[in-house]
Amino acid sequence: MFSSVDDDKNGKSDLNVFLALVKALSNADVVQDLKEVFKVFDKDGNKYIFPDELRQVMISVGSVLSEEELNEMINEADGDKDGQINYKEYVKMVDK
């Protein structure tokens, strides 16, 4: 699935590739799918996506992130700057 959203075919993940992956995972029934995809990222079920959880999911789809790339993704989505992504921030990020 990662290769289908890796437009520049460099095998590296960037914010656009990440967003395309999230959107590809959440095409059909938007609200339910958004919740399901959020659960994939929220490994411990605490209703927040932490950097380590994001890293694990990205690795599972074949993308290894540098610490800088990971922080960039978190910072882009983290509206309240608490170092984690809640569901509301996630939906806002996906809707871009």
PDB file of N, CA and C in Angstrom:
ATOM      1  N   MET A   1       0.832  -1.193   0.000  1.00  0.00           N
ATOM      2  CA  MET A   1       0.000   0.000   0.000  1.00  0.00           C
ATOM      3  C   MET A   1       0.873   1.251   0.000  1.00  0.00           C
ATOM      4  N   PHE A   2       2.003   1.224   0.717  1.00  0.00           N
ATOM      5  CA  PHE A   2       2.866   2.396   0.769  1.00  0.00           C
ATOM      6  C   PHE A   2       3.319   2.799  -0.624  1.00  0.00           C
ATOM      7  N   SER A   3       3.682   1.820  -1.440  1.00  0.00           N
ATOM      8  CA  SER A   3       4.179   2.161  -2.772  1.00  0.00           C
ATOM      9  C   SER A   3       3.129   2.873  -3.610  1.00  0.00           C
ATOM     10  N   SER A   4       1.856   2.624  -3.330  1.00  0.00           N
ATOM     11  CA  SER A   4       0.811   3.293  -4.105  1.00  0.00           C
ATOM     12  C   SER A   4       0.673   4.768  -3.766  1.00  0.00           C
ATOM     13  N   VAL A   5       1.233   5.206  -2.650  1.00  0.00           N
ATOM     14  CA  VAL A   5       1.168   6.620  -2.284  1.00  0.00           C
ATOM     15  C   VAL A   5       2.544   7.278  -2.278  1.00  0.00           C
ATOM     16  N   ASP A   6       3.582   6.538  -2.648  1.00  0.00           N
ATOM     17  CA  ASP A   6       4.940   7.067  -2.699  1.00  0.00           C
ATOM     18  C   ASP A   6       5.171   7.649  -4.087  1.00  0.00           C
ATOM     19  N   ASP A   7       4.608   8.842  -4.332  1.00  0.00           N
ATOM     20  CA  ASP A   7       4.610   9.449  -5.662  1.00  0.00           C
ATOM     21  C   ASP A   7       5.990   9.604  -6.273  1.00  0.00           C
ATOM     22  N   ASP A   8       6.964   9.996  -5.471  1.00  0.00           N
ATOM     23  CA  ASP A   8       8.283  10.217  -6.050  1.00  0.00           C
ATOM     24  C   ASP A   8       9.131   8.945  -6.064  1.00  0.00           C
ATOM     25  N   LYS A   9       8.577   7.836  -5.588  1.00  0.00           N
ATOM     26  CA  LYS A   9       9.202   6.509  -5.646  1.00  0.00           C
ATOM     27  C   LYS A   9      10.591   6.479  -5.028  1.00  0.00           C
ATOM     28  N   ASN A  10      10.813   7.312  -4.004  1.00  0.00           N
ATOM     29  CA  ASN A  10      12.118   7.308  -3.363  1.00  0.00           C
ATOM     30  C   ASN A  10      12.146   6.421  -2.129  1.00  0.00           C
ATOM     31  N   GLY A  11      11.019   5.808  -1.786  1.00  0.00           N
ATOM     32  CA  GLY A  11      10.962   4.910  -0.644  1.00  0.00           C
ATOM     33  C   GLY A  11      10.980   5.610   0.689  1.00  0.00           C
ATOM     34  N   LYS A  12      11.037   6.914   0.680  1.00  0.00           N
ATOM     35  CA  LYS A  12      11.052   7.679   1.923  1.00  0.00           C
ATOM     36  C   LYS A  12       9.672   8.244   2.184  1.00  0.00           C
ATOM     37  N   SER A  13       9.369   8.373   3.452  1.00  0.00           N
ATOM     38  CA  SER A  13       8.077   8.935   3.817  1.00  0.00           C
ATOM     39  C   SER A  13       8.242  10.419   4.090  1.00  0.00           C
ATOM     40  N   ASP A  14       7.332  11.188   3.588  1.00  0.00           N
ATOM     41  CA  ASP A  14       7.276  12.584   3.964  1.00  0.00           C
ATOM     42  C   ASP A  14       5.842  12.877   4.352  1.00  0.00           C
ATOM     43  N   LEU A  15       5.566  14.072   4.744  1.00  0.00           N
ATOM     44  CA  LEU A  15       4.234  14.416   5.225  1.00  0.00           C
ATOM     45  C   LEU A  15       3.175  14.145   4.167  1.00  0.00           C
ATOM     46  N   ASN A  16       3.441  14.471   2.921  1.00  0.00           N
ATOM     47  CA  ASN A  16       2.450  14.242   1.867  1.00  0.00           C
ATOM     48  C   ASN A  16       2.170  12.760   1.669  1.00  0.00           C
ATOM     49  N   VAL A  17       3.209  11.934   1.730  1.00  0.00           N
ATOM     50  CA  VAL A  17       3.024  10.494   1.598  1.00  0.00           C
ATOM     51  C   VAL A  17       2.212   9.972   2.774  1.00  0.00           C
ATOM     52  N   PHE A  18       2.538  10.447   3.969  1.00  0.00           N
ATOM     53  CA  PHE A  18       1.800  10.041   5.167  1.00  0.00           C
ATOM     54  C   PHE A  18       0.322  10.407   5.039  1.00  0.00           C
ATOM     55  N   LEU A  19       0.042  11.620   4.640  1.00  0.00           N
ATOM     56  CA  LEU A  19      -1.347  12.059   4.502  1.00  0.00           C
ATOM     57  C   LEU A  19      -2.068  11.261   3.421  1.00  0.00           C
ATOM     58  N   ALA A  20      -1.387  10.971   2.328  1.00  0.00           N
ATOM     59  CA  ALA A  20      -2.002  10.166   1.274  1.00  0.00           C
ATOM     60  C   ALA A  20      -2.312   8.762   1.775  1.00  0.00           C
ATOM     61  N   LEU A  21      -1.422   8.207   2.589  1.00  0.00           N
ATOM     62  CA  LEU A  21      -1.655   6.888   3.163  1.00  0.00           C
ATOM     63  C   LEU A  21      -2.871   6.903   4.068  1.00  0.00           C
ATOM     64  N   VAL A  22      -2.951   7.884   4.929  1.00  0.00           N
ATOM     65  CA  VAL A  22      -4.098   7.990   5.833  1.00  0.00           C
ATOM     66  C   VAL A  22      -5.382   8.141   5.030  1.00  0.00           C
ATOM     67  N   LYS A  23      -5.359   8.987   4.006  1.00  0.00           N
ATOM     68  CA  LYS A  23      -6.562   9.174   3.186  1.00  0.00           C
ATOM     69  C   LYS A  23      -6.929   7.895   2.442  1.00  0.00           C
ATOM     70  N   ALA A  24      -5.932   7.172   1.957  1.00  0.00           N
ATOM     71  CA  ALA A  24      -6.214   5.924   1.249  1.00  0.00           C
ATOM     72  C   ALA A  24      -6.847   4.896   2.173  1.00  0.00           C
ATOM     73  N   LEU A  25      -6.451   4.923   3.429  1.00  0.00           N
ATOM     74  CA  LEU A  25      -7.009   3.987   4.403  1.00  0.00           C
ATOM     75  C   LEU A  25      -8.408   4.378   4.841  1.00  0.00           C
ATOM     76  N   SER A  26      -8.844   5.572   4.517  1.00  0.00           N
ATOM     77  CA  SER A  26     -10.129   6.045   5.047  1.00  0.00           C
ATOM     78  C   SER A  26     -11.047   6.591   3.958  1.00  0.00           C
ATOM     79  N   ASN A  27     -11.226   5.840   2.883  1.00  0.00           N
ATOM     80  CA  ASN A  27     -12.021   6.327   1.755  1.00  0.00           C
ATOM     81  C   ASN A  27     -13.522   6.097   1.861  1.00  0.00           C
ATOM     82  N   ALA A  28     -14.001   4.963   2.312  1.00  0.00           N
ATOM     83  CA  ALA A  28     -15.419   4.602   2.185  1.00  0.00           C
ATOM     84  C   ALA A  28     -16.316   5.360   3.149  1.00  0.00           C
ATOM     85  N   ASP A  29     -16.761   4.737   4.193  1.00  0.00           N
ATOM     86  CA  ASP A  29     -17.616   5.384   5.184  1.00  0.00           C
ATOM     87  C   ASP A  29     -16.725   6.253   6.060  1.00  0.00           C
ATOM     88  N   VAL A  30     -16.649   7.518   5.742  1.00  0.00           N
ATOM     89  CA  VAL A  30     -15.627   8.413   6.273  1.00  0.00           C
ATOM     90  C   VAL A  30     -15.550   8.422   7.796  1.00  0.00           C
ATOM     91  N   VAL A  31     -16.643   8.668   8.479  1.00  0.00           N
ATOM     92  CA  VAL A  31     -16.581   8.784   9.937  1.00  0.00           C
ATOM     93  C   VAL A  31     -16.126   7.476  10.570  1.00  0.00           C
ATOM     94  N   GLN A  32     -16.739   6.371  10.181  1.00  0.00           N
ATOM     95  CA  GLN A  32     -16.363   5.079  10.766  1.00  0.00           C
ATOM     96  C   GLN A  32     -14.935   4.717  10.391  1.00  0.00           C
ATOM     97  N   ASP A  33     -14.581   4.940   9.139  1.00  0.00           N
ATOM     98  CA  ASP A  33     -13.234   4.614   8.705  1.00  0.00           C
ATOM     99  C   ASP A  33     -12.188   5.471   9.404  1.00  0.00           C
ATOM    100  N   LEU A  34     -12.479   6.748   9.600  1.00  0.00           N
ATOM    101  CA  LEU A  34     -11.540   7.605  10.324  1.00  0.00           C
ATOM    102  C   LEU A  34     -11.293   7.064  11.721  1.00  0.00           C
ATOM    103  N   LYS A  35     -12.358   6.629  12.368  1.00  0.00           N
ATOM    104  CA  LYS A  35     -12.213   6.060  13.715  1.00  0.00           C
ATOM    105  C   LYS A  35     -11.380   4.781  13.679  1.00  0.00           C
ATOM    106  N   GLU A  36     -11.633   3.938  12.699  1.00  0.00           N
ATOM    107  CA  GLU A  36     -10.891   2.679  12.592  1.00  0.00           C
ATOM    108  C   GLU A  36      -9.412   2.927  12.297  1.00  0.00           C
ATOM    109  N   VAL A  37      -9.136   3.843  11.396  1.00  0.00           N
ATOM    110  CA  VAL A  37      -7.742   4.147  11.072  1.00  0.00           C
ATOM    111  C   VAL A  37      -7.049   4.780  12.272  1.00  0.00           C
ATOM    112  N   PHE A  38      -7.761   5.645  12.991  1.00  0.00           N
ATOM    113  CA  PHE A  38      -7.186   6.236  14.201  1.00  0.00           C
ATOM    114  C   PHE A  38      -6.791   5.130  15.179  1.00  0.00           C
ATOM    115  N   LYS A  39      -7.636   4.114  15.311  1.00  0.00           N
ATOM    116  CA  LYS A  39      -7.338   2.998  16.218  1.00  0.00           C
ATOM    117  C   LYS A  39      -6.083   2.246  15.791  1.00  0.00           C
ATOM    118  N   VAL A  40      -5.835   2.173  14.484  1.00  0.00           N
ATOM    119  CA  VAL A  40      -4.618   1.521  13.994  1.00  0.00           C
ATOM    120  C   VAL A  40      -3.391   2.266  14.513  1.00  0.00           C
ATOM    121  N   PHE A  41      -3.448   3.584  14.488  1.00  0.00           N
ATOM    122  CA  PHE A  41      -2.332   4.394  14.968  1.00  0.00           C
ATOM    123  C   PHE A  41      -2.256   4.411  16.494  1.00  0.00           C
ATOM    124  N   ASP A  42      -3.394   4.415  17.158  1.00  0.00           N
ATOM    125  CA  ASP A  42      -3.469   4.489  18.626  1.00  0.00           C
ATOM    126  C   ASP A  42      -3.320   3.086  19.211  1.00  0.00           C
ATOM    127  N   LYS A  43      -2.106   2.573  19.191  1.00  0.00           N
ATOM    128  CA  LYS A  43      -1.829   1.190  19.577  1.00  0.00           C
ATOM    129  C   LYS A  43      -2.281   0.844  20.991  1.00  0.00           C
ATOM    130  N   ASP A  44      -2.128   1.763  21.943  1.00  0.00           N
ATOM    131  CA  ASP A  44      -2.474   1.442  23.334  1.00  0.00           C
ATOM    132  C   ASP A  44      -3.908   1.819  23.694  1.00  0.00           C
ATOM    133  N   GLY A  45      -4.646   2.383  22.748  1.00  0.00           N
ATOM    134  CA  GLY A  45      -6.053   2.679  22.959  1.00  0.00           C
ATOM    135  C   GLY A  45      -6.346   3.807  23.928  1.00  0.00           C
ATOM    136  N   ASN A  46      -5.381   4.705  24.136  1.00  0.00           N
ATOM    137  CA  ASN A  46      -5.582   5.800  25.094  1.00  0.00           C
ATOM    138  C   ASN A  46      -6.154   7.066  24.455  1.00  0.00           C
ATOM    139  N   LYS A  47      -6.556   6.971  23.190  1.00  0.00           N
ATOM    140  CA  LYS A  47      -7.182   8.062  22.436  1.00  0.00           C
ATOM    141  C   LYS A  47      -6.204   9.159  22.005  1.00  0.00           C
ATOM    142  N   TYR A  48      -4.924   8.823  21.987  1.00  0.00           N
ATOM    143  CA  TYR A  48      -3.883   9.728  21.499  1.00  0.00           C
ATOM    144  C   TYR A  48      -2.900   8.939  20.646  1.00  0.00           C
ATOM    145  N   ILE A  49      -2.369   9.581  19.624  1.00  0.00           N
ATOM    146  CA  ILE A  49      -1.292   8.995  18.832  1.00  0.00           C
ATOM    147  C   ILE A  49       0.003   9.646  19.303  1.00  0.00           C
ATOM    148  N   PHE A  50       0.902   8.824  19.817  1.00  0.00           N
ATOM    149  CA  PHE A  50       2.203   9.293  20.272  1.00  0.00           C
ATOM    150  C   PHE A  50       3.237   9.030  19.179  1.00  0.00           C
ATOM    151  N   PRO A  51       4.367   9.724  19.218  1.00  0.00           N
ATOM    152  CA  PRO A  51       5.389   9.532  18.186  1.00  0.00           C
ATOM    153  C   PRO A  51       5.786   8.070  17.975  1.00  0.00           C
ATOM    154  N   ASP A  52       5.961   7.304  19.050  1.00  0.00           N
ATOM    155  CA  ASP A  52       6.347   5.898  18.893  1.00  0.00           C
ATOM    156  C   ASP A  52       5.272   5.090  18.168  1.00  0.00           C
ATOM    157  N   GLU A  53       4.006   5.407  18.417  1.00  0.00           N
ATOM    158  CA  GLU A  53       2.916   4.709  17.731  1.00  0.00           C
ATOM    159  C   GLU A  53       2.921   5.050  16.247  1.00  0.00           C
ATOM    160  N   LEU A  54       3.129   6.307  15.929  1.00  0.00           N
ATOM    161  CA  LEU A  54       3.209   6.729  14.532  1.00  0.00           C
ATOM    162  C   LEU A  54       4.370   6.019  13.847  1.00  0.00           C
ATOM    163  N   ARG A  55       5.508   5.965  14.511  1.00  0.00           N
ATOM    164  CA  ARG A  55       6.687   5.305  13.950  1.00  0.00           C
ATOM    165  C   ARG A  55       6.390   3.825  13.669  1.00  0.00           C
ATOM    166  N   GLN A  56       5.749   3.137  14.613  1.00  0.00           N
ATOM    167  CA  GLN A  56       5.441   1.713  14.438  1.00  0.00           C
ATOM    168  C   GLN A  56       4.553   1.476  13.220  1.00  0.00           C
ATOM    169  N   VAL A  57       3.524   2.294  13.065  1.00  0.00           N
ATOM    170  CA  VAL A  57       2.622   2.122  11.923  1.00  0.00           C
ATOM    171  C   VAL A  57       3.360   2.394  10.620  1.00  0.00           C
ATOM    172  N   MET A  58       4.142   3.445  10.577  1.00  0.00           N
ATOM    173  CA  MET A  58       4.861   3.775   9.353  1.00  0.00           C
ATOM    174  C   MET A  58       5.855   2.666   8.997  1.00  0.00           C
ATOM    175  N   ILE A  59       6.522   2.084   9.989  1.00  0.00           N
ATOM    176  CA  ILE A  59       7.432   0.965   9.731  1.00  0.00           C
ATOM    177  C   ILE A  59       6.653  -0.225   9.185  1.00  0.00           C
ATOM    178  N   SER A  60       5.462  -0.462   9.740  1.00  0.00           N
ATOM    179  CA  SER A  60       4.662  -1.612   9.302  1.00  0.00           C
ATOM    180  C   SER A  60       4.204  -1.487   7.851  1.00  0.00           C
ATOM    181  N   VAL A  61       4.149  -0.271   7.325  1.00  0.00           N
ATOM    182  CA  VAL A  61       3.794  -0.088   5.912  1.00  0.00           C
ATOM    183  C   VAL A  61       5.036   0.147   5.046  1.00  0.00           C
ATOM    184  N   GLY A  62       6.201  -0.121   5.624  1.00  0.00           N
ATOM    185  CA  GLY A  62       7.432  -0.073   4.851  1.00  0.00           C
ATOM    186  C   GLY A  62       8.153   1.250   4.826  1.00  0.00           C
ATOM    187  N   SER A  63       7.844   2.127   5.753  1.00  0.00           N
ATOM    188  CA  SER A  63       8.480   3.439   5.774  1.00  0.00           C
ATOM    189  C   SER A  63       9.225   3.650   7.085  1.00  0.00           C
ATOM    190  N   VAL A  64      10.513   3.894   6.993  1.00  0.00           N
ATOM    191  CA  VAL A  64      11.312   4.183   8.179  1.00  0.00           C
ATOM    192  C   VAL A  64      11.514   5.690   8.246  1.00  0.00           C
ATOM    193  N   LEU A  65      11.073   6.278   9.348  1.00  0.00           N
ATOM    194  CA  LEU A  65      11.157   7.729   9.509  1.00  0.00           C
ATOM    195  C   LEU A  65      12.388   8.123  10.303  1.00  0.00           C
ATOM    196  N   SER A  66      13.009   9.205   9.889  1.00  0.00           N
ATOM    197  CA  SER A  66      14.050   9.783  10.730  1.00  0.00           C
ATOM    198  C   SER A  66      13.353  10.478  11.894  1.00  0.00           C
ATOM    199  N   GLU A  67      14.089  10.762  12.919  1.00  0.00           N
ATOM    200  CA  GLU A  67      13.517  11.476  14.068  1.00  0.00           C
ATOM    201  C   GLU A  67      12.970  12.832  13.626  1.00  0.00           C
ATOM    202  N   GLU A  68      13.671  13.476  12.708  1.00  0.00           N
ATOM    203  CA  GLU A  68      13.238  14.781  12.198  1.00  0.00           C
ATOM    204  C   GLU A  68      11.904  14.674  11.443  1.00  0.00           C
ATOM    205  N   GLU A  69      11.779  13.666  10.584  1.00  0.00           N
ATOM    206  CA  GLU A  69      10.532  13.472   9.836  1.00  0.00           C
ATOM    207  C   GLU A  69       9.365  13.169  10.770  1.00  0.00           C
ATOM    208  N   LEU A  70       9.622  12.323  11.753  1.00  0.00           N
ATOM    209  CA  LEU A  70       8.589  11.974  12.722  1.00  0.00           C
ATOM    210  C   LEU A  70       8.126  13.209  13.481  1.00  0.00           C
ATOM    211  N   ASN A  71       9.076  13.988  13.961  1.00  0.00           N
ATOM    212  CA  ASN A  71       8.729  15.211  14.692  1.00  0.00           C
ATOM    213  C   ASN A  71       7.978  16.201  13.811  1.00  0.00           C
ATOM    214  N   GLU A  72       8.354  16.282  12.543  1.00  0.00           N
ATOM    215  CA  GLU A  72       7.665  17.178  11.612  1.00  0.00           C
ATOM    216  C   GLU A  72       6.201  16.769  11.451  1.00  0.00           C
ATOM    217  N   MET A  73       5.963  15.472  11.318  1.00  0.00           N
ATOM    218  CA  MET A  73       4.589  14.982  11.184  1.00  0.00           C
ATOM    219  C   MET A  73       3.770  15.263  12.435  1.00  0.00           C
ATOM    220  N   ILE A  74       4.352  14.988  13.586  1.00  0.00           N
ATOM    221  CA  ILE A  74       3.644  15.237  14.851  1.00  0.00           C
ATOM    222  C   ILE A  74       3.367  16.728  14.990  1.00  0.00           C
ATOM    223  N   ASN A  75       4.375  17.555  14.758  1.00  0.00           N
ATOM    224  CA  ASN A  75       4.201  19.005  14.906  1.00  0.00           C
ATOM    225  C   ASN A  75       3.157  19.560  13.950  1.00  0.00           C
ATOM    226  N   GLU A  76       3.114  19.027  12.737  1.00  0.00           N
ATOM    227  CA  GLU A  76       2.139  19.483  11.746  1.00  0.00           C
ATOM    228  C   GLU A  76       0.711  19.210  12.212  1.00  0.00           C
ATOM    229  N   ALA A  77       0.502  18.068  12.829  1.00  0.00           N
ATOM    230  CA  ALA A  77      -0.853  17.665  13.237  1.00  0.00           C
ATOM    231  C   ALA A  77      -1.222  18.106  14.644  1.00  0.00           C
ATOM    232  N   ASP A  78      -0.238  18.362  15.477  1.00  0.00           N
ATOM    233  CA  ASP A  78      -0.455  18.604  16.905  1.00  0.00           C
ATOM    234  C   ASP A  78      -0.852  20.056  17.168  1.00  0.00           C
ATOM    235  N   GLY A  79      -2.147  20.332  17.057  1.00  0.00           N
ATOM    236  CA  GLY A  79      -2.648  21.698  17.198  1.00  0.00           C
ATOM    237  C   GLY A  79      -2.378  22.331  18.543  1.00  0.00           C
ATOM    238  N   ASP A  80      -2.481  21.558  19.625  1.00  0.00           N
ATOM    239  CA  ASP A  80      -2.282  22.137  20.959  1.00  0.00           C
ATOM    240  C   ASP A  80      -0.848  21.973  21.461  1.00  0.00           C
ATOM    241  N   LYS A  81       0.027  21.421  20.630  1.00  0.00           N
ATOM    242  CA  LYS A  81       1.465  21.293  20.902  1.00  0.00           C
ATOM    243  C   LYS A  81       1.764  20.560  22.205  1.00  0.00           C
ATOM    244  N   ASP A  82       1.004  19.472  22.456  1.00  0.00           N
ATOM    245  CA  ASP A  82       1.260  18.676  23.655  1.00  0.00           C
ATOM    246  C   ASP A  82       2.077  17.416  23.354  1.00  0.00           C
ATOM    247  N   GLY A  83       2.576  17.289  22.126  1.00  0.00           N
ATOM    248  CA  GLY A  83       3.437  16.171  21.776  1.00  0.00           C
ATOM    249  C   GLY A  83       2.710  14.907  21.366  1.00  0.00           C
ATOM    250  N   GLN A  84       1.409  14.999  21.205  1.00  0.00           N
ATOM    251  CA  GLN A  84       0.602  13.848  20.808  1.00  0.00           C
ATOM    252  C   GLN A  84      -0.547  14.333  19.939  1.00  0.00           C
ATOM    253  N   ILE A  85      -1.177  13.411  19.235  1.00  0.00           N
ATOM    254  CA  ILE A  85      -2.278  13.772  18.343  1.00  0.00           C
ATOM    255  C   ILE A  85      -3.558  13.147  18.876  1.00  0.00           C
ATOM    256  N   ASN A  86      -4.542  13.995  19.186  1.00  0.00           N
ATOM    257  CA  ASN A  86      -5.837  13.457  19.611  1.00  0.00           C
ATOM    258  C   ASN A  86      -6.712  13.260  18.371  1.00  0.00           C
ATOM    259  N   TYR A  87      -7.889  12.691  18.565  1.00  0.00           N
ATOM    260  CA  TYR A  87      -8.755  12.375  17.430  1.00  0.00           C
ATOM    261  C   TYR A  87      -9.151  13.624  16.639  1.00  0.00           C
ATOM    262  N   LYS A  88      -9.468  14.690  17.331  1.00  0.00           N
ATOM    263  CA  LYS A  88      -9.870  15.932  16.655  1.00  0.00           C
ATOM    264  C   LYS A  88      -8.731  16.460  15.773  1.00  0.00           C
ATOM    265  N   GLU A  89      -7.516  16.436  16.292  1.00  0.00           N
ATOM    266  CA  GLU A  89      -6.356  16.892  15.519  1.00  0.00           C
ATOM    267  C   GLU A  89      -6.117  15.965  14.323  1.00  0.00           C
ATOM    268  N   TYR A  90      -6.301  14.681  14.551  1.00  0.00           N
ATOM    269  CA  TYR A  90      -6.142  13.687  13.483  1.00  0.00           C
ATOM    270  C   TYR A  90      -7.118  13.946  12.336  1.00  0.00           C
ATOM    271  N   VAL A  91      -8.394  14.163  12.678  1.00  0.00           N
ATOM    272  CA  VAL A  91      -9.409  14.425  11.651  1.00  0.00           C
ATOM    273  C   VAL A  91      -9.067  15.699  10.886  1.00  0.00           C
ATOM    274  N   LYS A  92      -8.639  16.715  11.590  1.00  0.00           N
ATOM    275  CA  LYS A  92      -8.267  17.981  10.946  1.00  0.00           C
ATOM    276  C   LYS A  92      -7.092  17.771   9.988  1.00  0.00           C
ATOM    277  N   MET A  93      -6.113  16.962  10.407  1.00  0.00           N
ATOM    278  CA  MET A  93      -4.951  16.682   9.578  1.00  0.00           C
ATOM    279  C   MET A  93      -5.364  15.923   8.318  1.00  0.00           C
ATOM    280  N   VAL A  94      -6.206  14.915   8.465  1.00  0.00           N
ATOM    281  CA  VAL A  94      -6.633  14.100   7.329  1.00  0.00           C
ATOM    282  C   VAL A  94      -7.467  14.918   6.351  1.00  0.00           C
ATOM    283  N   ASP A  95      -8.190  15.877   6.859  1.00  0.00           N
ATOM    284  CA  ASP A  95      -9.084  16.692   6.037  1.00  0.00           C
ATOM    285  C   ASP A  95      -8.352  17.742   5.209  1.00  0.00           C
ATOM    286  N   LYS A  96      -7.058  17.889   5.384  1.00  0.00           N
ATOM    287  CA  LYS A  96      -6.288  18.902   4.642  1.00  0.00           C
ATOM    288  C   LYS A  96      -6.232  18.570   3.173  1.00  0.00           C
TER     289      LYS A  96
END
